[in-house]
C-alpha atoms as a PDB file:
ATOM      1  CA  UNK A   1       0.000   0.000   0.000  1.00  0.00           C
ATOM      2  CA  UNK A   2       1.282   3.489  -0.860  1.00  0.00           C
ATOM      3  CA  UNK A   3       1.914   5.969   1.969  1.00  0.00           C
ATOM      4  CA  UNK A   4       0.243   9.369   1.350  1.00  0.00           C
ATOM      5  CA  UNK A   5       2.592  11.275   3.688  1.00  0.00           C
ATOM      6  CA  UNK A   6      -0.208  13.415   5.102  1.00  0.00           C
ATOM      7  CA  UNK A   7       0.171  15.336   8.362  1.00  0.00           C
ATOM      8  CA  UNK A   8      -2.803  14.880  10.697  1.00  0.00           C
ATOM      9  CA  UNK A   9      -3.953  17.862  12.735  1.00  0.00           C
ATOM     10  CA  UNK A  10      -4.551  16.329  16.168  1.00  0.00           C
ATOM     11  CA  UNK A  11      -6.706  19.248  17.396  1.00  0.00           C
ATOM     12  CA  UNK A  12      -9.205  18.917  14.552  1.00  0.00           C
ATOM     13  CA  UNK A  13      -9.183  15.138  14.213  1.00  0.00           C
ATOM     14  CA  UNK A  14     -11.396  13.275  16.661  1.00  0.00           C
ATOM     15  CA  UNK A  15     -12.956   9.880  17.057  1.00  0.00           C
ATOM     16  CA  UNK A  16     -16.324   9.543  18.742  1.00  0.00           C
ATOM     17  CA  UNK A  17     -20.044   9.070  18.326  1.00  0.00           C
ATOM     18  CA  UNK A  18     -21.954  11.046  15.742  1.00  0.00           C
ATOM     19  CA  UNK A  19     -24.080  12.839  18.316  1.00  0.00           C
ATOM     20  CA  UNK A  20     -21.143  14.237  20.275  1.00  0.00           C
ATOM     21  CA  UNK A  21     -18.927  15.665  17.543  1.00  0.00           C
ATOM     22  CA  UNK A  22     -19.340  18.869  15.569  1.00  0.00           C
ATOM     23  CA  UNK A  23     -18.745  18.943  11.855  1.00  0.00           C
ATOM     24  CA  UNK A  24     -18.848  22.157   9.816  1.00  0.00           C
ATOM     25  CA  UNK A  25     -20.540  23.967  12.748  1.00  0.00           C
ATOM     26  CA  UNK A  26     -23.287  21.339  12.972  1.00  0.00           C
ATOM     27  CA  UNK A  27     -24.291  18.964  15.722  1.00  0.00           C
ATOM     28  CA  UNK A  28     -26.121  15.736  14.978  1.00  0.00           C
ATOM     29  CA  UNK A  29     -29.166  14.881  17.097  1.00  0.00           C
ATOM     30  CA  UNK A  30     -31.422  11.873  17.052  1.00  0.00           C
ATOM     31  CA  UNK A  31     -35.166  12.550  16.947  1.00  0.00           C
ATOM     32  CA  UNK A  32     -37.611   9.629  16.713  1.00  0.00           C
ATOM     33  CA  UNK A  33     -34.901   7.360  15.338  1.00  0.00           C
ATOM     34  CA  UNK A  34     -33.924   9.852  12.616  1.00  0.00           C
ATOM     35  CA  UNK A  35     -30.681  11.791  12.757  1.00  0.00           C
ATOM     36  CA  UNK A  36     -31.027  15.513  12.126  1.00  0.00           C
ATOM     37  CA  UNK A  37     -28.491  18.262  12.413  1.00  0.00           C
ATOM     38  CA  UNK A  38     -28.639  21.620  14.158  1.00  0.00           C
ATOM     39  CA  UNK A  39     -26.252  24.569  14.324  1.00  0.00           C
ATOM     40  CA  UNK A  40     -23.771  24.790  17.161  1.00  0.00           C
ATOM     41  CA  UNK A  41     -24.148  27.516  19.799  1.00  0.00           C
ATOM     42  CA  UNK A  42     -20.998  29.136  18.381  1.00  0.00           C
ATOM     43  CA  UNK A  43     -22.591  29.353  14.914  1.00  0.00           C
ATOM     44  CA  UNK A  44     -25.680  31.002  16.417  1.00  0.00           C
ATOM     45  CA  UNK A  45     -23.536  33.459  18.343  1.00  0.00           C
ATOM     46  CA  UNK A  46     -21.521  34.313  15.222  1.00  0.00           C
ATOM     47  CA  UNK A  47     -24.736  35.148  13.346  1.00  0.00           C
ATOM     48  CA  UNK A  48     -25.951  37.339  16.191  1.00  0.00           C
ATOM     49  CA  UNK A  49     -22.573  39.086  16.404  1.00  0.00           C
ATOM     50  CA  UNK A  50     -22.634  39.795  12.669  1.00  0.00           C
ATOM     51  CA  UNK A  51     -26.179  41.167  12.825  1.00  0.00           C
ATOM     52  CA  UNK A  52     -25.266  43.291  15.830  1.00  0.00           C
ATOM     53  CA  UNK A  53     -22.413  44.820  13.824  1.00  0.00           C
ATOM     54  CA  UNK A  54     -24.715  45.465  10.850  1.00  0.00           C
ATOM     55  CA  UNK A  55     -27.403  47.172  12.955  1.00  0.00           C
ATOM     56  CA  UNK A  56     -25.293  49.509  15.046  1.00  0.00           C
ATOM     57  CA  UNK A  57     -27.147  52.768  15.626  1.00  0.00           C
ATOM     58  CA  UNK A  58     -24.238  54.956  14.539  1.00  0.00           C
ATOM     59  CA  UNK A  59     -23.707  53.000  11.349  1.00  0.00           C
ATOM     60  CA  UNK A  60     -23.350  54.950   8.073  1.00  0.00           C
ATOM     61  CA  UNK A  61     -25.162  54.095   4.861  1.00  0.00           C
ATOM     62  CA  UNK A  62     -28.695  54.260   3.607  1.00  0.00           C
ATOM     63  CA  UNK A  63     -31.413  52.172   5.166  1.00  0.00           C
ATOM     64  CA  UNK A  64     -31.821  50.223   1.938  1.00  0.00           C
ATOM     65  CA  UNK A  65     -28.119  49.250   1.924  1.00  0.00           C
ATOM     66  CA  UNK A  66     -28.306  48.112   5.547  1.00  0.00           C
ATOM     67  CA  UNK A  67     -31.385  45.959   4.906  1.00  0.00           C
ATOM     68  CA  UNK A  68     -29.736  44.462   1.800  1.00  0.00           C
ATOM     69  CA  UNK A  69     -26.686  43.421   3.853  1.00  0.00           C
ATOM     70  CA  UNK A  70     -28.869  41.988   6.631  1.00  0.00           C
ATOM     71  CA  UNK A  71     -30.858  40.000   4.046  1.00  0.00           C
ATOM     72  CA  UNK A  72     -27.677  38.614   2.487  1.00  0.00           C
ATOM     73  CA  UNK A  73     -26.299  37.442   5.831  1.00  0.00           C
ATOM     74  CA  UNK A  74     -29.549  35.909   7.077  1.00  0.00           C
ATOM     75  CA  UNK A  75     -30.379  34.276   3.747  1.00  0.00           C
ATOM     76  CA  UNK A  76     -26.943  32.653   3.600  1.00  0.00           C
ATOM     77  CA  UNK A  77     -27.181  31.417   7.198  1.00  0.00           C
ATOM     78  CA  UNK A  78     -30.681  30.012   6.691  1.00  0.00           C
ATOM     79  CA  UNK A  79     -29.685  28.318   3.428  1.00  0.00           C
ATOM     80  CA  UNK A  80     -26.788  26.640   5.227  1.00  0.00           C
ATOM     81  CA  UNK A  81     -28.487  25.698   8.512  1.00  0.00           C
ATOM     82  CA  UNK A  82     -32.164  25.857   7.553  1.00  0.00           C
ATOM     83  CA  UNK A  83     -32.664  22.109   7.214  1.00  0.00           C
ATOM     84  CA  UNK A  84     -31.849  21.606  10.880  1.00  0.00           C
ATOM     85  CA  UNK A  85     -33.732  22.530  14.032  1.00  0.00           C
ATOM     86  CA  UNK A  86     -33.625  26.327  13.817  1.00  0.00           C
ATOM     87  CA  UNK A  87     -37.258  27.469  14.007  1.00  0.00           C
ATOM     88  CA  UNK A  88     -37.211  28.552  17.662  1.00  0.00           C
ATOM     89  CA  UNK A  89     -33.890  30.323  17.274  1.00  0.00           C
ATOM     90  CA  UNK A  90     -35.027  32.108  14.094  1.00  0.00           C
ATOM     91  CA  UNK A  91     -38.243  33.403  15.686  1.00  0.00           C
ATOM     92  CA  UNK A  92     -36.342  34.792  18.701  1.00  0.00           C
ATOM     93  CA  UNK A  93     -33.712  36.287  16.433  1.00  0.00           C
ATOM     94  CA  UNK A  94     -36.350  37.894  14.220  1.00  0.00           C
ATOM     95  CA  UNK A  95     -37.984  39.759  17.105  1.00  0.00           C
ATOM     96  CA  UNK A  96     -34.541  40.834  18.366  1.00  0.00           C
ATOM     97  CA  UNK A  97     -33.550  42.011  14.883  1.00  0.00           C
ATOM     98  CA  UNK A  98     -36.809  43.942  14.415  1.00  0.00           C
ATOM     99  CA  UNK A  99     -36.100  45.825  17.640  1.00  0.00           C
ATOM    100  CA  UNK A 100     -32.562  46.621  16.483  1.00  0.00           C
ATOM    101  CA  UNK A 101     -33.820  47.944  13.139  1.00  0.00           C
ATOM    102  CA  UNK A 102     -36.483  50.026  14.895  1.00  0.00           C
ATOM    103  CA  UNK A 103     -33.781  51.541  17.125  1.00  0.00           C
ATOM    104  CA  UNK A 104     -31.649  52.312  14.088  1.00  0.00           C
ATOM    105  CA  UNK A 105     -34.524  54.131  12.381  1.00  0.00           C
ATOM    106  CA  UNK A 106     -35.624  56.122  15.411  1.00  0.00           C
ATOM    107  CA  UNK A 107     -32.051  57.209  16.078  1.00  0.00           C
ATOM    108  CA  UNK A 108     -31.753  58.494  12.507  1.00  0.00           C
ATOM    109  CA  UNK A 109     -34.971  60.505  12.823  1.00  0.00           C
ATOM    110  CA  UNK A 110     -33.505  62.953  15.316  1.00  0.00           C
ATOM    111  CA  UNK A 111     -36.383  65.364  15.905  1.00  0.00           C
ATOM    112  CA  UNK A 112     -39.751  64.585  17.447  1.00  0.00           C
ATOM    113  CA  UNK A 113     -41.494  66.153  14.478  1.00  0.00           C
ATOM    114  CA  UNK A 114     -39.645  63.907  12.032  1.00  0.00           C
ATOM    115  CA  UNK A 115     -40.355  60.789  14.088  1.00  0.00           C
ATOM    116  CA  UNK A 116     -44.048  61.656  14.259  1.00  0.00           C
ATOM    117  CA  UNK A 117     -44.287  62.394  10.539  1.00  0.00           C
ATOM    118  CA  UNK A 118     -42.497  59.214   9.492  1.00  0.00           C
ATOM    119  CA  UNK A 119     -44.449  56.984  11.880  1.00  0.00           C
ATOM    120  CA  UNK A 120     -47.699  58.435  10.531  1.00  0.00           C
ATOM    121  CA  UNK A 121     -46.491  57.673   6.985  1.00  0.00           C
ATOM    122  CA  UNK A 122     -45.879  54.063   8.017  1.00  0.00           C
ATOM    123  CA  UNK A 123     -49.491  53.761   9.196  1.00  0.00           C
ATOM    124  CA  UNK A 124     -49.486  54.289  12.970  1.00  0.00           C
ATOM    125  CA  UNK A 125     -52.455  56.180  14.392  1.00  0.00           C
ATOM    126  CA  UNK A 126     -51.942  59.676  15.820  1.00  0.00           C
ATOM    127  CA  UNK A 127     -51.879  58.796  19.493  1.00  0.00           C
ATOM    128  CA  UNK A 128     -49.349  55.940  19.264  1.00  0.00           C
ATOM    129  CA  UNK A 129     -47.134  57.850  16.812  1.00  0.00           C
ATOM    130  CA  UNK A 130     -47.080  60.859  19.141  1.00  0.00           C
ATOM    131  CA  UNK A 131     -46.299  58.700  22.182  1.00  0.00           C
ATOM    132  CA  UNK A 132     -43.394  56.957  20.410  1.00  0.00           C
ATOM    133  CA  UNK A 133     -42.071  60.205  18.916  1.00  0.00           C
ATOM    134  CA  UNK A 134     -41.975  61.943  22.273  1.00  0.00           C
ATOM    135  CA  UNK A 135     -39.880  59.273  24.005  1.00  0.00           C
ATOM    136  CA  UNK A 136     -36.667  61.011  24.992  1.00  0.00           C
ATOM    137  CA  UNK A 137     -34.453  58.264  26.299  1.00  0.00           C
ATOM    138  CA  UNK A 138     -35.572  55.029  24.684  1.00  0.00           C
ATOM    139  CA  UNK A 139     -35.709  53.965  21.088  1.00  0.00           C
END
């Protein structure tokens, strides 16, 4: 038999059961006798870190550019991990991301008058738009 002369990386190479090892940021789990994969906690944290960087309140760029970048990142992550158990994580992340985007918008609309006018354009009734626009310390 021919020797391939390959160097094995001992940190990355492991031997063990399928359900205890990670491979390409995925963990295998057994559900009703069927093996399914799910993203590792590190992969989830990396997505959240990336989205946090994209939705910083002092971030430059138009709102359309920011949403385009967010869509690219989330679409790629969901296409990679979407076949696994991610529904609960995605729903939590979506509400968190909506709050971050709302903060970004309200920070950009500096004046109370602008906030009120824009919220009315987006369909909020007068009383709620006025209450949100007059908040001084929270977004």
